[in-house]
Amino acid sequence: MSSHGPGISMLPEAVRDAGFRPMAVLGRAAANDVLTRLRPQLDGLCQVDDPTDPRALADAAIMMCGGTPAAILSVHDGTIVPAAAAAALVGLPAAPAAALSRARHKYAARRALAAAGLAGPRFALLDSAEAAASVAEQVGLPAVVKPVNGSGSNLVRRVSDVAGLATAYRDLAAAAPGALGGMYDRMLVDPDTETPLDPTRVFLAESMLTGREYSVELVVRDGEPEPVLVLDKFLVDRDHFECGFCWPPLELAAERVAGLAATAVAAARALGLDRTLAHVELYDDPRLGPTVVEVNAGRGGGQLIGPLTAVATGVDPRAELIALATGAPRPERGTPKLPPPLATLTVFGHESGRLVAIEGLDEARDHPDVISTVVATAIGERLDHSYETFPINFLVAGLETRDELSQTYQELADTVHLVVEP
């Protein structure tokens, strides 16, 4: 399970609703404040030295359950692949670990999407500041530089010239070691070529896409990706954090919505995904058309995208994921509970540090546009502003235009304040 964001706070309840007992395996490096927050939600929790070791995960799960568990799964980007491998080790249904690994390895994913004939940016690996000029020639400028196995918009840089590309390399090489709980500190193996790569020294450069951003929620069962919902990523801040998604997409013709969904489906097939969820991020690029940014396989979208999907479509992504992981039939699907338009908004803090107070939350809950609020952090927990943790999340309804959505977001952001100390 993930220790950050709404996913961990909502998954245990869904596990219980499916008739199972939620338990979690975390690394020994997990912070005490995280353990304190998680324990009341779980029937069992243990720690292992290396939460990316499939054998260690499998042994810990068997020990806690007193036998083979019903499922082993993760919704944390750093442990989705080893959890699937652990499930396979003990004979449980699981998404193919190689396919999940291909999606997580952004360079391997780009190769697979290109081989399938999908439109995409030019891309190359950047392994030194001195290589900036040759990489810029390969991908063009402006460009985006990011970790090969990054998550939560961590260490994403936009550059406009060769000097900027070289500077971005130095910045990422300095910041990557130890970041995201050590996510980049382990060698990354390409699932198709078996080539090892050091994510703290080698990064992915891509030509910059333009146009509006969207996402597609997929359920993949029996090798067939099902597009459940297409969302408009209408608000992204200067740190590339996703502040707002809305449904239906704003001012987008039905054929464009269908094109985005079809591209997401084609991407899931190209990567070989099965028995899993995927949150696919895309641009509707004026030159290339619907173009995949990345495929977040093994989980649904962050924020309150899961609850929004459930009330908008009757498809509960959490129930779907649990059924896939346990080998159960497709869950019974309900009818939509709320009409469009709907949106999910996240208020992020502006500083890293220990959370000591959340001011204005009751007032924000009472905002006339807000229908649900989820706080995905706890007092005393340490917040890291270098990546998305989705601390304060709102589901809102009835806002039909970009201006209305942006105004409500600003009102909520002006009302809620996360008070942190270093």
Protein backbone atom coordinates (compact mmCIF):
# COMPACT_ATOMS: atom_id res chain seq x y z
CA MET A 1 0.00 0.00 0.00
CA SER A 2 1.00 3.61 -0.41
CA SER A 3 1.75 5.55 2.76
CA HIS A 4 0.76 8.87 1.18
CA GLY A 5 -2.36 10.30 -0.44
CA PRO A 6 -6.02 9.32 -0.37
CA GLY A 7 -5.32 5.81 -1.67
CA ILE A 8 -4.13 4.40 1.65
CA SER A 9 -6.97 6.02 3.62
CA MET A 10 -9.63 4.57 1.31
CA LEU A 11 -8.25 1.13 0.41
CA PRO A 12 -8.64 -0.56 3.84
CA GLU A 13 -12.35 0.27 3.88
CA ALA A 14 -12.75 -1.18 0.38
CA VAL A 15 -10.87 -4.33 1.45
CA ARG A 16 -13.29 -4.78 4.35
CA ASP A 17 -16.27 -4.13 2.08
CA ALA A 18 -15.03 -6.99 -0.13
CA GLY A 19 -14.99 -9.34 2.88
CA PHE A 20 -11.25 -9.34 3.61
CA ARG A 21 -8.98 -8.03 6.36
CA PRO A 22 -6.57 -5.23 5.40
CA MET A 23 -2.94 -5.64 6.40
CA ALA A 24 0.17 -3.79 5.26
CA VAL A 25 3.89 -4.38 4.84
CA LEU A 26 6.12 -1.30 5.03
CA GLY A 27 9.86 -0.72 4.98
CA ARG A 28 11.70 -0.22 8.23
CA ALA A 29 12.49 3.31 7.11
CA ALA A 30 8.81 4.30 7.29
CA ALA A 31 8.38 7.31 9.54
CA ASN A 32 6.78 6.83 12.96
CA ASP A 33 4.07 9.37 12.16
CA VAL A 34 3.08 7.31 9.11
CA LEU A 35 2.90 4.14 11.18
CA THR A 36 0.78 5.91 13.78
CA ARG A 37 -1.68 7.04 11.10
CA LEU A 38 -1.93 3.64 9.43
CA ARG A 39 -2.26 1.27 12.37
CA PRO A 40 -5.88 2.12 13.31
CA GLN A 41 -7.00 1.39 9.74
CA LEU A 42 -5.42 -2.05 9.53
CA ASP A 43 -5.75 -5.50 11.08
CA GLY A 44 -2.03 -6.08 10.81
CA LEU A 45 1.15 -4.19 9.97
CA CYS A 46 4.72 -5.36 9.78
CA GLN A 47 8.00 -3.95 8.50
CA VAL A 48 10.73 -5.45 6.36
CA ASP A 49 14.24 -4.30 5.55
CA ASP A 50 13.55 -3.97 1.81
CA PRO A 51 9.93 -3.40 0.70
CA THR A 52 11.01 -3.80 -2.93
CA ASP A 53 12.08 -7.43 -2.37
CA PRO A 54 9.24 -9.69 -3.61
CA ARG A 55 10.34 -12.63 -1.48
CA ALA A 56 10.41 -10.48 1.67
CA LEU A 57 6.93 -9.12 0.87
CA ALA A 58 5.54 -12.60 0.26
CA ASP A 59 7.05 -14.03 3.46
CA ALA A 60 5.77 -11.10 5.53
CA ALA A 61 2.26 -11.44 4.09
CA ILE A 62 2.19 -15.19 4.80
CA MET A 63 3.46 -14.61 8.34
CA MET A 64 0.80 -11.99 9.12
CA CYS A 65 -2.02 -14.03 7.62
CA GLY A 66 -0.91 -17.37 9.05
CA GLY A 67 -1.01 -18.78 5.54
CA THR A 68 -1.44 -17.68 1.96
CA PRO A 69 -3.18 -14.28 1.81
CA ALA A 70 -6.15 -13.58 -0.44
CA ALA A 71 -4.13 -11.01 -2.36
CA ILE A 72 -0.90 -9.02 -2.36
CA LEU A 73 -1.08 -5.63 -4.00
CA SER A 74 0.27 -2.10 -3.72
CA VAL A 75 -0.94 1.30 -4.85
CA HIS A 76 2.44 2.94 -4.26
CA ASP A 77 4.45 3.53 -7.42
CA GLY A 78 7.66 2.32 -5.79
CA THR A 79 6.24 -1.06 -4.74
CA ILE A 80 3.57 -1.89 -7.33
CA VAL A 81 5.97 -4.10 -9.32
CA PRO A 82 7.46 -6.04 -6.37
CA ALA A 83 3.98 -6.58 -4.90
CA ALA A 84 2.82 -8.15 -8.18
CA ALA A 85 5.96 -10.30 -8.24
CA ALA A 86 5.31 -11.33 -4.61
CA ALA A 87 1.75 -12.33 -5.48
CA ALA A 88 3.02 -14.46 -8.36
CA LEU A 89 5.58 -16.14 -6.07
CA VAL A 90 2.81 -17.53 -3.86
CA GLY A 91 0.48 -18.42 -6.71
CA LEU A 92 -1.97 -15.55 -6.37
CA PRO A 93 -3.66 -13.72 -9.26
CA ALA A 94 -1.53 -10.76 -10.23
CA ALA A 95 -0.93 -8.27 -12.98
CA PRO A 96 2.08 -9.34 -15.09
CA ALA A 97 5.07 -7.87 -13.26
CA ALA A 98 7.00 -7.40 -16.52
CA ALA A 99 4.20 -5.27 -17.96
CA LEU A 100 3.98 -3.15 -14.80
CA SER A 101 7.76 -2.78 -14.86
CA ARG A 102 7.60 -1.69 -18.51
CA ALA A 103 5.09 1.01 -17.64
CA ARG A 104 7.13 2.18 -14.62
CA HIS A 105 10.34 2.36 -16.72
CA LYS A 106 9.50 5.48 -18.73
CA TYR A 107 12.19 4.86 -21.35
CA ALA A 108 11.05 1.26 -21.93
CA ALA A 109 7.45 2.49 -22.06
CA ARG A 110 8.32 5.09 -24.70
CA ARG A 111 9.96 2.40 -26.84
CA ALA A 112 6.94 0.10 -26.50
CA LEU A 113 4.47 2.84 -27.39
CA ALA A 114 6.53 3.90 -30.40
CA ALA A 115 6.84 0.29 -31.57
CA ALA A 116 3.04 0.02 -31.44
CA GLY A 117 2.76 3.03 -33.75
CA LEU A 118 1.44 5.48 -31.15
CA ALA A 119 2.28 9.14 -31.53
CA GLY A 120 4.78 10.44 -29.00
CA PRO A 121 7.50 12.96 -28.32
CA ARG A 122 11.07 12.41 -29.37
CA PHE A 123 12.99 10.95 -26.44
CA ALA A 124 16.48 10.00 -25.32
CA LEU A 125 18.43 9.15 -22.18
CA LEU A 126 20.56 11.90 -20.66
CA ASP A 127 23.51 10.47 -18.73
CA SER A 128 25.70 13.54 -18.20
CA ALA A 129 25.68 17.31 -18.41
CA GLU A 130 28.23 17.03 -21.20
CA ALA A 131 25.71 15.08 -23.29
CA ALA A 132 23.22 17.95 -23.23
CA ALA A 133 24.02 19.22 -26.71
CA SER A 134 23.73 15.84 -28.41
CA VAL A 135 20.53 14.97 -26.52
CA ALA A 136 19.02 18.35 -27.38
CA GLU A 137 19.74 17.59 -31.04
CA GLN A 138 17.95 14.24 -30.71
CA VAL A 139 14.81 15.41 -28.91
CA GLY A 140 14.63 19.09 -29.86
CA LEU A 141 13.94 22.09 -27.63
CA PRO A 142 12.06 23.00 -25.54
CA ALA A 143 12.21 19.72 -23.66
CA VAL A 144 11.24 18.03 -20.41
CA VAL A 145 13.73 16.16 -18.21
CA LYS A 146 12.58 13.72 -15.52
CA PRO A 147 13.60 10.57 -13.66
CA VAL A 148 13.16 7.35 -15.59
CA ASN A 149 11.04 5.88 -12.77
CA GLY A 150 9.68 9.07 -11.23
CA SER A 151 6.38 9.65 -9.48
CA GLY A 152 4.22 12.53 -8.28
CA SER A 153 5.82 15.16 -10.55
CA ASN A 154 9.04 14.79 -8.55
CA LEU A 155 12.15 16.33 -10.17
CA VAL A 156 10.43 17.27 -13.44
CA ARG A 157 12.20 20.10 -15.22
CA ARG A 158 11.30 22.06 -18.34
CA VAL A 159 14.20 23.48 -20.33
CA SER A 160 14.45 25.76 -23.33
CA ASP A 161 18.13 25.60 -24.31
CA VAL A 162 21.22 23.41 -24.10
CA ALA A 163 22.55 25.24 -21.05
CA GLY A 164 19.26 24.66 -19.29
CA LEU A 165 19.36 20.97 -20.17
CA ALA A 166 22.86 20.65 -18.69
CA THR A 167 21.75 22.51 -15.56
CA ALA A 168 18.69 20.27 -15.23
CA TYR A 169 20.95 17.21 -15.38
CA ARG A 170 23.13 18.55 -12.57
CA ASP A 171 20.10 19.47 -10.47
CA LEU A 172 18.51 16.04 -10.85
CA ALA A 173 21.77 14.20 -10.24
CA ALA A 174 22.20 16.16 -7.01
CA ALA A 175 18.60 15.73 -5.83
CA ALA A 176 17.76 12.16 -6.88
CA PRO A 177 19.82 10.20 -4.31
CA GLY A 178 17.62 9.59 -1.29
CA ALA A 179 14.54 11.24 -2.84
CA LEU A 180 11.08 9.69 -2.49
CA GLY A 181 12.23 7.38 0.26
CA GLY A 182 15.09 6.06 -1.85
CA MET A 183 12.97 5.23 -4.90
CA TYR A 184 15.83 6.18 -7.24
CA ASP A 185 18.60 4.54 -5.22
CA ARG A 186 18.12 1.03 -6.63
CA MET A 187 19.30 -0.03 -10.05
CA LEU A 188 16.48 -0.11 -12.59
CA VAL A 189 16.46 -3.01 -15.06
CA ASP A 190 14.83 -2.63 -18.45
CA PRO A 191 12.24 -5.44 -18.63
CA ASP A 192 12.78 -5.92 -22.36
CA THR A 193 16.55 -5.59 -22.79
CA GLU A 194 17.63 -6.45 -19.21
CA THR A 195 19.90 -3.41 -19.35
CA PRO A 196 20.60 -1.94 -15.90
CA LEU A 197 20.27 1.81 -15.37
CA ASP A 198 21.10 4.01 -12.37
CA PRO A 199 18.10 6.34 -11.87
CA THR A 200 20.25 8.77 -9.88
CA ARG A 201 22.60 9.30 -12.84
CA VAL A 202 20.52 8.69 -15.98
CA PHE A 203 17.36 10.64 -16.80
CA LEU A 204 14.78 10.80 -19.58
CA ALA A 205 14.62 13.78 -21.92
CA GLU A 206 11.58 14.31 -24.15
CA SER A 207 10.49 16.97 -26.58
CA MET A 208 7.83 19.11 -24.96
CA LEU A 209 4.22 18.35 -25.78
CA THR A 210 1.70 21.15 -26.09
CA GLY A 211 -2.06 21.45 -25.91
CA ARG A 212 -4.48 20.58 -23.13
CA GLU A 213 -3.91 17.78 -20.64
CA TYR A 214 -6.30 14.93 -19.87
CA SER A 215 -6.35 11.57 -18.13
CA VAL A 216 -8.17 8.30 -18.72
CA GLU A 217 -9.07 5.75 -16.03
CA LEU A 218 -8.78 2.16 -17.27
CA VAL A 219 -9.81 -1.21 -15.87
CA VAL A 220 -7.92 -4.05 -17.59
CA ARG A 221 -9.45 -7.51 -17.25
CA ASP A 222 -8.76 -10.59 -19.41
CA GLY A 223 -6.41 -8.50 -21.54
CA GLU A 224 -9.11 -5.99 -22.48
CA PRO A 225 -8.61 -2.38 -21.34
CA GLU A 226 -11.92 -0.67 -20.54
CA PRO A 227 -11.95 3.14 -20.53
CA VAL A 228 -14.16 4.11 -17.61
CA LEU A 229 -13.75 7.88 -17.42
CA VAL A 230 -11.98 10.66 -19.34
CA LEU A 231 -11.01 13.65 -17.18
CA ASP A 232 -9.81 17.16 -17.98
CA LYS A 233 -6.63 18.05 -16.06
CA PHE A 234 -7.73 21.66 -16.00
CA LEU A 235 -5.43 23.04 -13.31
CA VAL A 236 -1.70 22.34 -12.95
CA ASP A 237 0.48 24.62 -10.83
CA ARG A 238 4.01 25.92 -11.42
CA ASP A 239 5.49 22.83 -9.73
CA HIS A 240 3.59 20.61 -12.21
CA PHE A 241 1.32 19.46 -9.36
CA GLU A 242 -2.16 18.37 -10.42
CA CYS A 243 -4.52 20.68 -8.56
CA GLY A 244 -7.74 19.89 -10.40
CA PHE A 245 -9.47 17.31 -12.63
CA CYS A 246 -13.00 17.70 -13.92
CA TRP A 247 -15.63 15.59 -15.68
CA PRO A 248 -16.78 15.90 -18.35
CA PRO A 249 -13.82 17.52 -20.11
CA LEU A 250 -14.34 21.21 -20.74
CA GLU A 251 -15.35 22.28 -24.25
CA LEU A 252 -14.17 19.03 -25.85
CA ALA A 253 -16.07 17.40 -28.71
CA ALA A 254 -17.23 13.81 -28.27
CA GLU A 255 -14.91 12.55 -30.99
CA ARG A 256 -11.90 14.06 -29.20
CA VAL A 257 -12.95 12.38 -25.96
CA ALA A 258 -13.25 9.09 -27.85
CA GLY A 259 -9.81 9.63 -29.38
CA LEU A 260 -8.22 10.11 -25.96
CA ALA A 261 -9.89 6.95 -24.65
CA ALA A 262 -8.82 4.93 -27.69
CA THR A 263 -5.21 6.09 -27.31
CA ALA A 264 -5.19 5.10 -23.63
CA VAL A 265 -6.54 1.65 -24.55
CA ALA A 266 -3.89 1.23 -27.26
CA ALA A 267 -1.16 2.24 -24.79
CA ALA A 268 -2.28 -0.35 -22.22
CA ARG A 269 -2.23 -3.04 -24.90
CA ALA A 270 1.19 -1.96 -26.14
CA LEU A 271 2.59 -2.29 -22.62
CA GLY A 272 0.99 -5.72 -22.11
CA LEU A 273 -1.12 -4.73 -19.10
CA ASP A 274 -3.67 -7.11 -17.63
CA ARG A 275 -5.53 -7.68 -14.35
CA THR A 276 -4.95 -4.15 -13.15
CA LEU A 277 -5.99 -0.51 -13.23
CA ALA A 278 -4.20 2.27 -15.06
CA HIS A 279 -4.29 6.04 -14.86
CA VAL A 280 -3.16 7.25 -18.29
CA GLU A 281 -2.07 10.86 -18.71
CA LEU A 282 -2.24 12.45 -22.16
CA TYR A 283 -1.97 15.67 -24.11
CA ASP A 284 -4.28 16.49 -26.97
CA ASP A 285 -1.33 17.85 -28.92
CA PRO A 286 -2.22 20.13 -31.89
CA ARG A 287 0.38 18.43 -34.07
CA LEU A 288 0.39 14.83 -32.84
CA GLY A 289 -3.19 14.43 -31.62
CA PRO A 290 -3.90 12.40 -28.47
CA THR A 291 -0.46 11.59 -27.06
CA VAL A 292 0.46 9.60 -23.97
CA VAL A 293 2.55 11.35 -21.32
CA GLU A 294 2.77 8.29 -19.09
CA VAL A 295 0.84 5.21 -18.04
CA ASN A 296 0.53 4.85 -14.27
CA ALA A 297 -0.18 1.13 -14.16
CA GLY A 298 -1.24 -0.83 -11.10
CA ARG A 299 -3.42 1.89 -9.63
CA GLY A 300 -6.02 4.48 -10.44
CA GLY A 301 -5.58 8.22 -10.38
CA GLY A 302 -4.70 10.25 -7.29
CA GLN A 303 -6.66 13.05 -5.64
CA LEU A 304 -10.30 11.90 -5.35
CA ILE A 305 -10.38 10.47 -8.86
CA GLY A 306 -11.47 7.08 -7.52
CA PRO A 307 -14.53 8.39 -5.64
CA LEU A 308 -15.35 10.73 -8.54
CA THR A 309 -15.25 7.76 -10.93
CA ALA A 310 -17.52 5.76 -8.65
CA VAL A 311 -20.22 8.42 -8.28
CA ALA A 312 -20.02 9.48 -11.94
CA THR A 313 -20.09 6.01 -13.53
CA GLY A 314 -21.08 3.42 -10.92
CA VAL A 315 -17.66 1.74 -11.39
CA ASP A 316 -15.69 1.67 -8.11
CA PRO A 317 -11.97 1.45 -9.00
CA ARG A 318 -11.04 0.17 -5.52
CA ALA A 319 -13.53 -2.70 -5.76
CA GLU A 320 -12.32 -3.47 -9.28
CA LEU A 321 -8.68 -3.60 -8.15
CA ILE A 322 -9.44 -5.88 -5.20
CA ALA A 323 -11.47 -8.22 -7.40
CA LEU A 324 -8.64 -8.41 -9.93
CA ALA A 325 -6.06 -9.06 -7.20
CA THR A 326 -8.13 -11.82 -5.57
CA GLY A 327 -9.27 -13.46 -8.81
CA ALA A 328 -12.91 -12.63 -8.10
CA PRO A 329 -15.46 -11.92 -10.84
CA ARG A 330 -16.06 -8.37 -11.92
CA PRO A 331 -17.80 -6.51 -9.07
CA GLU A 332 -21.42 -5.60 -9.48
CA ARG A 333 -21.62 -2.11 -10.90
CA GLY A 334 -24.11 0.43 -9.71
CA THR A 335 -25.77 3.36 -11.38
CA PRO A 336 -24.21 6.83 -11.37
CA LYS A 337 -25.03 8.65 -8.14
CA LEU A 338 -24.31 12.23 -9.19
CA PRO A 339 -24.83 14.04 -12.49
CA PRO A 340 -22.13 16.05 -14.22
CA PRO A 341 -20.29 18.32 -13.85
CA LEU A 342 -18.01 17.02 -11.09
CA ALA A 343 -14.43 17.84 -10.18
CA THR A 344 -11.74 16.88 -7.69
CA LEU A 345 -9.51 19.62 -6.28
CA THR A 346 -6.36 19.31 -4.15
CA VAL A 347 -4.84 22.02 -1.98
CA PHE A 348 -1.10 21.50 -1.54
CA GLY A 349 1.15 23.07 1.05
CA HIS A 350 3.91 25.41 -0.05
CA GLU A 351 6.64 24.20 2.31
CA SER A 352 8.18 20.98 3.52
CA GLY A 353 8.16 20.17 7.21
CA ARG A 354 6.19 18.61 10.04
CA LEU A 355 2.48 19.40 9.88
CA VAL A 356 1.42 21.11 13.11
CA ALA A 357 -2.03 22.44 12.14
CA ILE A 358 -4.60 22.65 9.36
CA GLU A 359 -6.34 26.00 9.50
CA GLY A 360 -9.66 26.80 7.84
CA LEU A 361 -10.67 23.20 7.12
CA ASP A 362 -14.16 23.43 8.66
CA GLU A 363 -14.87 26.59 6.70
CA ALA A 364 -13.69 24.93 3.48
CA ARG A 365 -15.90 21.90 4.13
CA ASP A 366 -18.87 24.26 4.33
CA HIS A 367 -18.16 25.82 0.93
CA PRO A 368 -21.38 25.55 -1.13
CA ASP A 369 -19.64 23.75 -4.01
CA VAL A 370 -18.00 21.08 -1.83
CA ILE A 371 -19.78 17.74 -1.46
CA SER A 372 -16.96 15.68 0.07
CA THR A 373 -13.61 16.32 1.77
CA VAL A 374 -10.76 13.87 2.38
CA VAL A 375 -7.72 14.80 4.47
CA ALA A 376 -4.93 12.42 3.50
CA THR A 377 -2.36 13.54 6.04
CA ALA A 378 -2.27 13.80 9.84
CA ILE A 379 -1.02 16.30 12.35
CA GLY A 380 2.57 15.43 13.16
CA GLU A 381 3.26 13.90 9.76
CA ARG A 382 6.11 15.23 7.69
CA LEU A 383 5.15 16.80 4.35
CA ASP A 384 7.59 16.92 1.44
CA HIS A 385 6.75 19.60 -1.10
CA SER A 386 9.08 18.06 -3.71
CA TYR A 387 6.33 15.70 -4.89
CA GLU A 388 2.56 15.30 -4.86
CA THR A 389 1.14 13.89 -1.63
CA PHE A 390 -2.47 15.16 -2.10
CA PRO A 391 -2.93 16.35 1.51
CA ILE A 392 -6.34 18.12 1.32
CA ASN A 393 -8.85 16.95 -1.29
CA PHE A 394 -12.30 18.18 -2.24
CA LEU A 395 -15.00 16.71 -4.47
CA VAL A 396 -17.05 19.56 -5.91
CA ALA A 397 -20.16 19.70 -8.09
CA GLY A 398 -22.06 22.05 -10.37
CA LEU A 399 -19.14 24.03 -11.82
CA GLU A 400 -19.49 24.16 -15.59
CA THR A 401 -16.69 26.45 -16.76
CA ARG A 402 -12.95 26.78 -16.28
CA ASP A 403 -13.46 30.17 -14.65
CA GLU A 404 -15.94 28.75 -12.13
CA LEU A 405 -13.64 25.86 -11.30
CA SER A 406 -10.61 28.10 -10.95
CA GLN A 407 -12.50 30.54 -8.74
CA THR A 408 -13.70 27.79 -6.39
CA TYR A 409 -10.21 26.33 -6.25
CA GLN A 410 -8.74 29.68 -5.33
CA GLU A 411 -11.36 30.22 -2.64
CA LEU A 412 -10.54 26.84 -1.09
CA ALA A 413 -6.80 27.42 -1.38
CA ASP A 414 -7.18 30.81 0.30
CA THR A 415 -9.22 29.25 3.10
CA VAL A 416 -7.14 26.19 3.98
CA HIS A 417 -3.62 26.64 5.31
CA LEU A 418 -1.21 23.83 6.16
CA VAL A 419 1.00 25.05 8.99
CA VAL A 420 4.36 23.27 9.07
CA GLU A 421 7.54 23.59 11.06
CA PRO A 422 10.96 22.64 9.70
